[in-house]
Amino acid sequence: MTDCARGLKSLLLLGGISFWCYFLKALIAYGTRYGATAGTSEEIGRILREKRFDVKIVNVREEKIKDVSEYDLIVVASGIRMGKWVSEAEDFLKKFQKELKQKKLALFVSTMKTVAEREGKTDEVAKSRKVSLENKVAEYGLKPIALGFFGGVMDYNKMGFLMRRTMGWLKPQLEKDGFKETKPGVYDLRDWDEIRNWATELADKAR
């Protein structure tokens, strides 16, 4: 069987049986502070490619997107700090607000939610999801087919002096909650099974 043309449907006739094979084009546009959202975007992109999507992954802080008309699925993602999106990811939502309403759209954020989950703070988790995702959807009048609310990464090496000092108290709490350093100063709070399952379900919804 030959490869499918990018973004097009190709009809293949084998033994008199017709097969439809196609790639949908997907864009993952993300903003990140400490790298968590970049890594999560790459993993989601990997899963989508396995599901026969043609995926482009863009750090919107480093590359400006001029047009999104060619994409069937758009995933917009951001790290969250103090309830705020990365400014460039927020700017992407503003710039393409009209176009995103016409696309199959998904949003996900990288947060501290796994810490709150392990501590049984369900109200705090729900509030954080509302502020970082549900309110954003309402603000821009979007209709996403999926919302992802994931853990992030605490990387003290990438924090400025004041932020590192401010967040220093959290280290013992992370250790207490069972999070170990993946390397000195770095705590990965992500649940990779959760992320992969979400990406698989997204692929099915986007077809």
C-alpha atoms as a PDB file:
ATOM      1  CA  MET A   1       0.000   0.000   0.000  1.00  0.00           C
ATOM      2  CA  THR A   2       1.438   3.384  -0.975  1.00  0.00           C
ATOM      3  CA  ASP A   3       1.757   6.308   1.418  1.00  0.00           C
ATOM      4  CA  CYS A   4      -1.148   8.694   1.614  1.00  0.00           C
ATOM      5  CA  ALA A   5      -0.712  12.206   0.300  1.00  0.00           C
ATOM      6  CA  ARG A   6      -0.485  14.722   3.116  1.00  0.00           C
ATOM      7  CA  GLY A   7      -3.923  15.884   4.207  1.00  0.00           C
ATOM      8  CA  LEU A   8      -5.638  14.174   1.237  1.00  0.00           C
ATOM      9  CA  LYS A   9      -7.749  11.087   0.832  1.00  0.00           C
ATOM     10  CA  SER A  10      -6.329   8.487  -1.527  1.00  0.00           C
ATOM     11  CA  LEU A  11      -8.318   5.600  -2.896  1.00  0.00           C
ATOM     12  CA  LEU A  12      -6.403   2.339  -3.165  1.00  0.00           C
ATOM     13  CA  LEU A  13      -7.719  -0.657  -5.049  1.00  0.00           C
ATOM     14  CA  LEU A  14      -6.325  -3.969  -3.912  1.00  0.00           C
ATOM     15  CA  GLY A  15      -7.939  -7.130  -5.189  1.00  0.00           C
ATOM     16  CA  GLY A  16     -11.077  -5.244  -6.049  1.00  0.00           C
ATOM     17  CA  ILE A  17     -11.477  -3.917  -2.487  1.00  0.00           C
ATOM     18  CA  SER A  18     -11.460  -0.189  -1.876  1.00  0.00           C
ATOM     19  CA  PHE A  19      -9.486   1.227   1.025  1.00  0.00           C
ATOM     20  CA  TRP A  20      -9.607   4.848   2.230  1.00  0.00           C
ATOM     21  CA  CYS A  21      -6.358   6.019   3.691  1.00  0.00           C
ATOM     22  CA  TYR A  22      -5.802   9.578   4.854  1.00  0.00           C
ATOM     23  CA  PHE A  23      -3.769  11.819   7.071  1.00  0.00           C
ATOM     24  CA  LEU A  24      -5.356  14.698   8.932  1.00  0.00           C
ATOM     25  CA  LYS A  25      -3.110  17.679   9.503  1.00  0.00           C
ATOM     26  CA  ALA A  26      -2.644  18.715  13.110  1.00  0.00           C
ATOM     27  CA  LEU A  27      -0.931  21.699  14.722  1.00  0.00           C
ATOM     28  CA  ILE A  28       0.214  21.679  18.341  1.00  0.00           C
ATOM     29  CA  ALA A  29       0.975  25.270  19.364  1.00  0.00           C
ATOM     30  CA  TYR A  30       2.364  25.600  22.881  1.00  0.00           C
ATOM     31  CA  GLY A  31       3.887  28.046  25.317  1.00  0.00           C
ATOM     32  CA  THR A  32       6.164  26.838  28.095  1.00  0.00           C
ATOM     33  CA  ARG A  33       8.204  28.248  30.985  1.00  0.00           C
ATOM     34  CA  TYR A  34      10.141  25.265  32.338  1.00  0.00           C
ATOM     35  CA  GLY A  35       9.799  22.757  29.485  1.00  0.00           C
ATOM     36  CA  ALA A  36       6.942  20.585  30.743  1.00  0.00           C
ATOM     37  CA  THR A  37       4.478  21.674  28.075  1.00  0.00           C
ATOM     38  CA  ALA A  38       7.110  21.152  25.367  1.00  0.00           C
ATOM     39  CA  GLY A  39       7.698  17.566  26.465  1.00  0.00           C
ATOM     40  CA  THR A  40       3.995  16.867  26.803  1.00  0.00           C
ATOM     41  CA  SER A  41       3.371  18.335  23.340  1.00  0.00           C
ATOM     42  CA  GLU A  42       6.019  16.069  21.838  1.00  0.00           C
ATOM     43  CA  GLU A  43       4.448  12.989  23.413  1.00  0.00           C
ATOM     44  CA  ILE A  44       0.958  13.948  22.267  1.00  0.00           C
ATOM     45  CA  GLY A  45       2.386  14.569  18.799  1.00  0.00           C
ATOM     46  CA  ARG A  46       3.969  11.118  18.812  1.00  0.00           C
ATOM     47  CA  ILE A  47       0.649   9.480  19.661  1.00  0.00           C
ATOM     48  CA  LEU A  48      -1.186  11.456  16.968  1.00  0.00           C
ATOM     49  CA  ARG A  49       1.386  10.424  14.367  1.00  0.00           C
ATOM     50  CA  GLU A  50       0.823   6.794  15.319  1.00  0.00           C
ATOM     51  CA  LYS A  51      -2.864   7.465  14.646  1.00  0.00           C
ATOM     52  CA  ARG A  52      -2.040   8.711  11.124  1.00  0.00           C
ATOM     53  CA  PHE A  53      -1.984  12.442  11.743  1.00  0.00           C
ATOM     54  CA  ASP A  54       0.513  14.717  10.034  1.00  0.00           C
ATOM     55  CA  VAL A  55       1.668  16.781  13.020  1.00  0.00           C
ATOM     56  CA  LYS A  56       3.512  20.076  13.301  1.00  0.00           C
ATOM     57  CA  ILE A  57       4.638  21.120  16.803  1.00  0.00           C
ATOM     58  CA  VAL A  58       5.436  24.781  17.402  1.00  0.00           C
ATOM     59  CA  ASN A  59       6.757  26.694  20.397  1.00  0.00           C
ATOM     60  CA  VAL A  60       4.849  29.950  19.887  1.00  0.00           C
ATOM     61  CA  ARG A  61       7.478  31.857  21.842  1.00  0.00           C
ATOM     62  CA  GLU A  62      10.051  30.965  19.185  1.00  0.00           C
ATOM     63  CA  GLU A  63       7.991  30.767  15.981  1.00  0.00           C
ATOM     64  CA  LYS A  64       5.098  32.950  14.869  1.00  0.00           C
ATOM     65  CA  ILE A  65       2.201  31.203  13.144  1.00  0.00           C
ATOM     66  CA  LYS A  66       0.743  33.277  10.329  1.00  0.00           C
ATOM     67  CA  ASP A  67      -2.068  31.011   9.151  1.00  0.00           C
ATOM     68  CA  VAL A  68      -3.925  27.962  10.471  1.00  0.00           C
ATOM     69  CA  SER A  69      -6.249  27.281   7.538  1.00  0.00           C
ATOM     70  CA  GLU A  70      -4.427  24.103   6.453  1.00  0.00           C
ATOM     71  CA  TYR A  71      -4.931  22.275   9.756  1.00  0.00           C
ATOM     72  CA  ASP A  72      -7.804  19.923  10.552  1.00  0.00           C
ATOM     73  CA  LEU A  73      -6.975  19.706  14.258  1.00  0.00           C
ATOM     74  CA  ILE A  74      -5.379  22.404  16.399  1.00  0.00           C
ATOM     75  CA  VAL A  75      -4.098  21.798  19.923  1.00  0.00           C
ATOM     76  CA  VAL A  76      -3.222  24.888  21.963  1.00  0.00           C
ATOM     77  CA  ALA A  77      -1.273  24.387  25.173  1.00  0.00           C
ATOM     78  CA  SER A  78       0.303  26.404  27.942  1.00  0.00           C
ATOM     79  CA  GLY A  79       2.137  26.114  31.180  1.00  0.00           C
ATOM     80  CA  ILE A  80       0.283  27.711  34.093  1.00  0.00           C
ATOM     81  CA  ARG A  81       1.785  29.895  36.802  1.00  0.00           C
ATOM     82  CA  MET A  82      -0.390  31.676  39.331  1.00  0.00           C
ATOM     83  CA  GLY A  83      -3.396  30.804  37.167  1.00  0.00           C
ATOM     84  CA  LYS A  84      -1.912  32.579  34.133  1.00  0.00           C
ATOM     85  CA  TRP A  85      -1.179  31.241  30.659  1.00  0.00           C
ATOM     86  CA  VAL A  86       2.181  31.888  28.980  1.00  0.00           C
ATOM     87  CA  SER A  87       1.621  35.202  27.200  1.00  0.00           C
ATOM     88  CA  GLU A  88       2.521  33.933  23.723  1.00  0.00           C
ATOM     89  CA  ALA A  89       0.038  31.048  24.005  1.00  0.00           C
ATOM     90  CA  GLU A  90      -2.637  33.489  25.120  1.00  0.00           C
ATOM     91  CA  ASP A  91      -1.759  35.721  22.162  1.00  0.00           C
ATOM     92  CA  PHE A  92      -2.251  32.743  19.829  1.00  0.00           C
ATOM     93  CA  LEU A  93      -5.797  32.267  21.156  1.00  0.00           C
ATOM     94  CA  LYS A  94      -6.515  35.955  20.640  1.00  0.00           C
ATOM     95  CA  LYS A  95      -5.038  36.099  17.134  1.00  0.00           C
ATOM     96  CA  PHE A  96      -6.865  33.040  15.812  1.00  0.00           C
ATOM     97  CA  GLN A  97     -10.001  33.240  17.935  1.00  0.00           C
ATOM     98  CA  LYS A  98     -12.296  33.329  14.903  1.00  0.00           C
ATOM     99  CA  GLU A  99     -10.496  30.540  13.038  1.00  0.00           C
ATOM    100  CA  LEU A 100     -10.366  28.273  16.094  1.00  0.00           C
ATOM    101  CA  LYS A 101     -14.149  28.344  16.319  1.00  0.00           C
ATOM    102  CA  GLN A 102     -14.263  26.674  12.901  1.00  0.00           C
ATOM    103  CA  LYS A 103     -11.683  23.973  13.677  1.00  0.00           C
ATOM    104  CA  LYS A 104     -11.511  20.810  15.685  1.00  0.00           C
ATOM    105  CA  LEU A 105      -9.798  22.245  18.720  1.00  0.00           C
ATOM    106  CA  ALA A 106      -8.247  20.905  21.902  1.00  0.00           C
ATOM    107  CA  LEU A 107      -6.608  22.738  24.802  1.00  0.00           C
ATOM    108  CA  PHE A 108      -4.329  21.449  27.529  1.00  0.00           C
ATOM    109  CA  VAL A 109      -2.389  23.005  30.370  1.00  0.00           C
ATOM    110  CA  SER A 110       0.533  21.960  32.564  1.00  0.00           C
ATOM    111  CA  THR A 111      -0.096  22.664  36.241  1.00  0.00           C
ATOM    112  CA  MET A 112       0.643  21.647  39.824  1.00  0.00           C
ATOM    113  CA  LYS A 113      -2.575  19.657  39.980  1.00  0.00           C
ATOM    114  CA  THR A 114      -0.948  16.283  40.702  1.00  0.00           C
ATOM    115  CA  VAL A 115       0.420  17.653  43.975  1.00  0.00           C
ATOM    116  CA  ALA A 116      -3.055  18.759  45.057  1.00  0.00           C
ATOM    117  CA  GLU A 117      -4.481  15.403  43.961  1.00  0.00           C
ATOM    118  CA  ARG A 118      -2.047  13.451  46.114  1.00  0.00           C
ATOM    119  CA  GLU A 119      -2.939  15.646  49.060  1.00  0.00           C
ATOM    120  CA  GLY A 120      -6.650  15.033  48.497  1.00  0.00           C
ATOM    121  CA  LYS A 121      -7.414  18.694  47.763  1.00  0.00           C
ATOM    122  CA  THR A 122     -10.208  18.035  45.277  1.00  0.00           C
ATOM    123  CA  ASP A 123     -11.716  21.515  45.598  1.00  0.00           C
ATOM    124  CA  GLU A 124      -8.359  23.078  44.773  1.00  0.00           C
ATOM    125  CA  VAL A 125      -7.982  20.841  41.704  1.00  0.00           C
ATOM    126  CA  ALA A 126     -11.465  21.751  40.467  1.00  0.00           C
ATOM    127  CA  LYS A 127     -10.833  25.460  40.998  1.00  0.00           C
ATOM    128  CA  SER A 128      -7.521  25.326  39.136  1.00  0.00           C
ATOM    129  CA  ARG A 129      -9.119  23.514  36.189  1.00  0.00           C
ATOM    130  CA  LYS A 130     -11.891  26.098  36.032  1.00  0.00           C
ATOM    131  CA  VAL A 131      -9.513  29.053  36.094  1.00  0.00           C
ATOM    132  CA  SER A 132      -6.950  27.697  33.635  1.00  0.00           C
ATOM    133  CA  LEU A 133      -9.227  25.902  31.161  1.00  0.00           C
ATOM    134  CA  GLU A 134     -12.959  26.378  31.511  1.00  0.00           C
ATOM    135  CA  ASN A 135     -12.775  30.148  32.004  1.00  0.00           C
ATOM    136  CA  LYS A 136     -10.424  30.424  29.021  1.00  0.00           C
ATOM    137  CA  VAL A 137     -12.880  28.534  26.824  1.00  0.00           C
ATOM    138  CA  ALA A 138     -15.700  30.843  27.913  1.00  0.00           C
ATOM    139  CA  GLU A 139     -13.570  33.982  27.490  1.00  0.00           C
ATOM    140  CA  TYR A 140     -12.891  33.258  23.825  1.00  0.00           C
ATOM    141  CA  GLY A 141     -16.176  31.528  23.012  1.00  0.00           C
ATOM    142  CA  LEU A 142     -14.433  28.307  21.969  1.00  0.00           C
ATOM    143  CA  LYS A 143     -15.915  24.842  21.544  1.00  0.00           C
ATOM    144  CA  PRO A 144     -13.053  22.385  22.044  1.00  0.00           C
ATOM    145  CA  ILE A 145     -13.522  18.662  21.527  1.00  0.00           C
ATOM    146  CA  ALA A 146     -11.097  17.941  24.387  1.00  0.00           C
ATOM    147  CA  LEU A 147      -9.556  19.643  27.418  1.00  0.00           C
ATOM    148  CA  GLY A 148      -6.407  18.303  29.040  1.00  0.00           C
ATOM    149  CA  PHE A 149      -5.481  19.162  32.618  1.00  0.00           C
ATOM    150  CA  PHE A 150      -2.054  17.704  33.323  1.00  0.00           C
ATOM    151  CA  GLY A 151       0.795  17.910  35.762  1.00  0.00           C
ATOM    152  CA  GLY A 152       3.874  19.916  34.893  1.00  0.00           C
ATOM    153  CA  VAL A 153       7.527  20.150  35.875  1.00  0.00           C
ATOM    154  CA  MET A 154       9.103  22.049  38.742  1.00  0.00           C
ATOM    155  CA  ASP A 155      12.569  22.981  37.503  1.00  0.00           C
ATOM    156  CA  TYR A 156      14.344  25.086  40.112  1.00  0.00           C
ATOM    157  CA  ASN A 157      17.336  25.426  37.791  1.00  0.00           C
ATOM    158  CA  LYS A 158      15.325  27.549  35.356  1.00  0.00           C
ATOM    159  CA  MET A 159      13.743  29.786  37.972  1.00  0.00           C
ATOM    160  CA  GLY A 160      14.999  33.250  38.701  1.00  0.00           C
ATOM    161  CA  PHE A 161      16.467  33.970  42.110  1.00  0.00           C
ATOM    162  CA  LEU A 162      13.276  35.403  43.610  1.00  0.00           C
ATOM    163  CA  MET A 163      11.046  32.639  42.246  1.00  0.00           C
ATOM    164  CA  ARG A 164      13.474  29.950  43.403  1.00  0.00           C
ATOM    165  CA  ARG A 165      13.539  31.490  46.871  1.00  0.00           C
ATOM    166  CA  THR A 166       9.755  31.867  46.939  1.00  0.00           C
ATOM    167  CA  MET A 167       9.173  28.260  45.873  1.00  0.00           C
ATOM    168  CA  GLY A 168      11.889  26.770  48.052  1.00  0.00           C
ATOM    169  CA  TRP A 169       9.376  25.756  50.719  1.00  0.00           C
ATOM    170  CA  LEU A 170       7.726  23.379  48.219  1.00  0.00           C
ATOM    171  CA  LYS A 171      10.661  20.971  47.898  1.00  0.00           C
ATOM    172  CA  PRO A 172      10.067  19.139  51.185  1.00  0.00           C
ATOM    173  CA  GLN A 173       6.363  18.922  50.386  1.00  0.00           C
ATOM    174  CA  LEU A 174       7.061  17.379  46.988  1.00  0.00           C
ATOM    175  CA  GLU A 175       9.289  14.779  48.608  1.00  0.00           C
ATOM    176  CA  LYS A 176       6.629  14.090  51.221  1.00  0.00           C
ATOM    177  CA  ASP A 177       4.017  13.584  48.482  1.00  0.00           C
ATOM    178  CA  GLY A 178       6.223  11.013  46.772  1.00  0.00           C
ATOM    179  CA  PHE A 179       7.726  13.116  43.991  1.00  0.00           C
ATOM    180  CA  LYS A 180      11.441  12.485  43.527  1.00  0.00           C
ATOM    181  CA  GLU A 181      13.987  14.565  41.690  1.00  0.00           C
ATOM    182  CA  THR A 182      14.465  13.261  38.137  1.00  0.00           C
ATOM    183  CA  LYS A 183      17.730  15.206  38.197  1.00  0.00           C
ATOM    184  CA  PRO A 184      19.032  17.784  40.686  1.00  0.00           C
ATOM    185  CA  GLY A 185      16.442  20.521  41.142  1.00  0.00           C
ATOM    186  CA  VAL A 186      13.868  18.973  38.782  1.00  0.00           C
ATOM    187  CA  TYR A 187      10.570  17.349  39.794  1.00  0.00           C
ATOM    188  CA  ASP A 188       8.405  15.838  37.047  1.00  0.00           C
ATOM    189  CA  LEU A 189       4.772  15.915  38.164  1.00  0.00           C
ATOM    190  CA  ARG A 190       3.283  14.421  34.983  1.00  0.00           C
ATOM    191  CA  ASP A 191       1.210  11.240  34.719  1.00  0.00           C
ATOM    192  CA  TRP A 192       2.309   9.912  31.340  1.00  0.00           C
ATOM    193  CA  ASP A 193      -0.433   7.291  31.135  1.00  0.00           C
ATOM    194  CA  GLU A 194      -3.020  10.036  31.610  1.00  0.00           C
ATOM    195  CA  ILE A 195      -1.420  12.112  28.854  1.00  0.00           C
ATOM    196  CA  ARG A 196      -1.154   9.207  26.392  1.00  0.00           C
ATOM    197  CA  ASN A 197      -4.731   8.101  27.004  1.00  0.00           C
ATOM    198  CA  TRP A 198      -5.931  11.662  26.427  1.00  0.00           C
ATOM    199  CA  ALA A 199      -4.010  11.879  23.143  1.00  0.00           C
ATOM    200  CA  THR A 200      -5.455   8.560  21.969  1.00  0.00           C
ATOM    201  CA  GLU A 201      -8.998   9.678  22.750  1.00  0.00           C
ATOM    202  CA  LEU A 202      -8.318  13.009  21.029  1.00  0.00           C
ATOM    203  CA  ALA A 203      -7.268  11.219  17.843  1.00  0.00           C
ATOM    204  CA  ASP A 204     -10.543   9.293  17.827  1.00  0.00           C
ATOM    205  CA  LYS A 205     -12.619  12.432  18.451  1.00  0.00           C
ATOM    206  CA  ALA A 206     -10.850  14.348  15.682  1.00  0.00           C
ATOM    207  CA  ARG A 207     -11.670  11.816  12.957  1.00  0.00           C
END
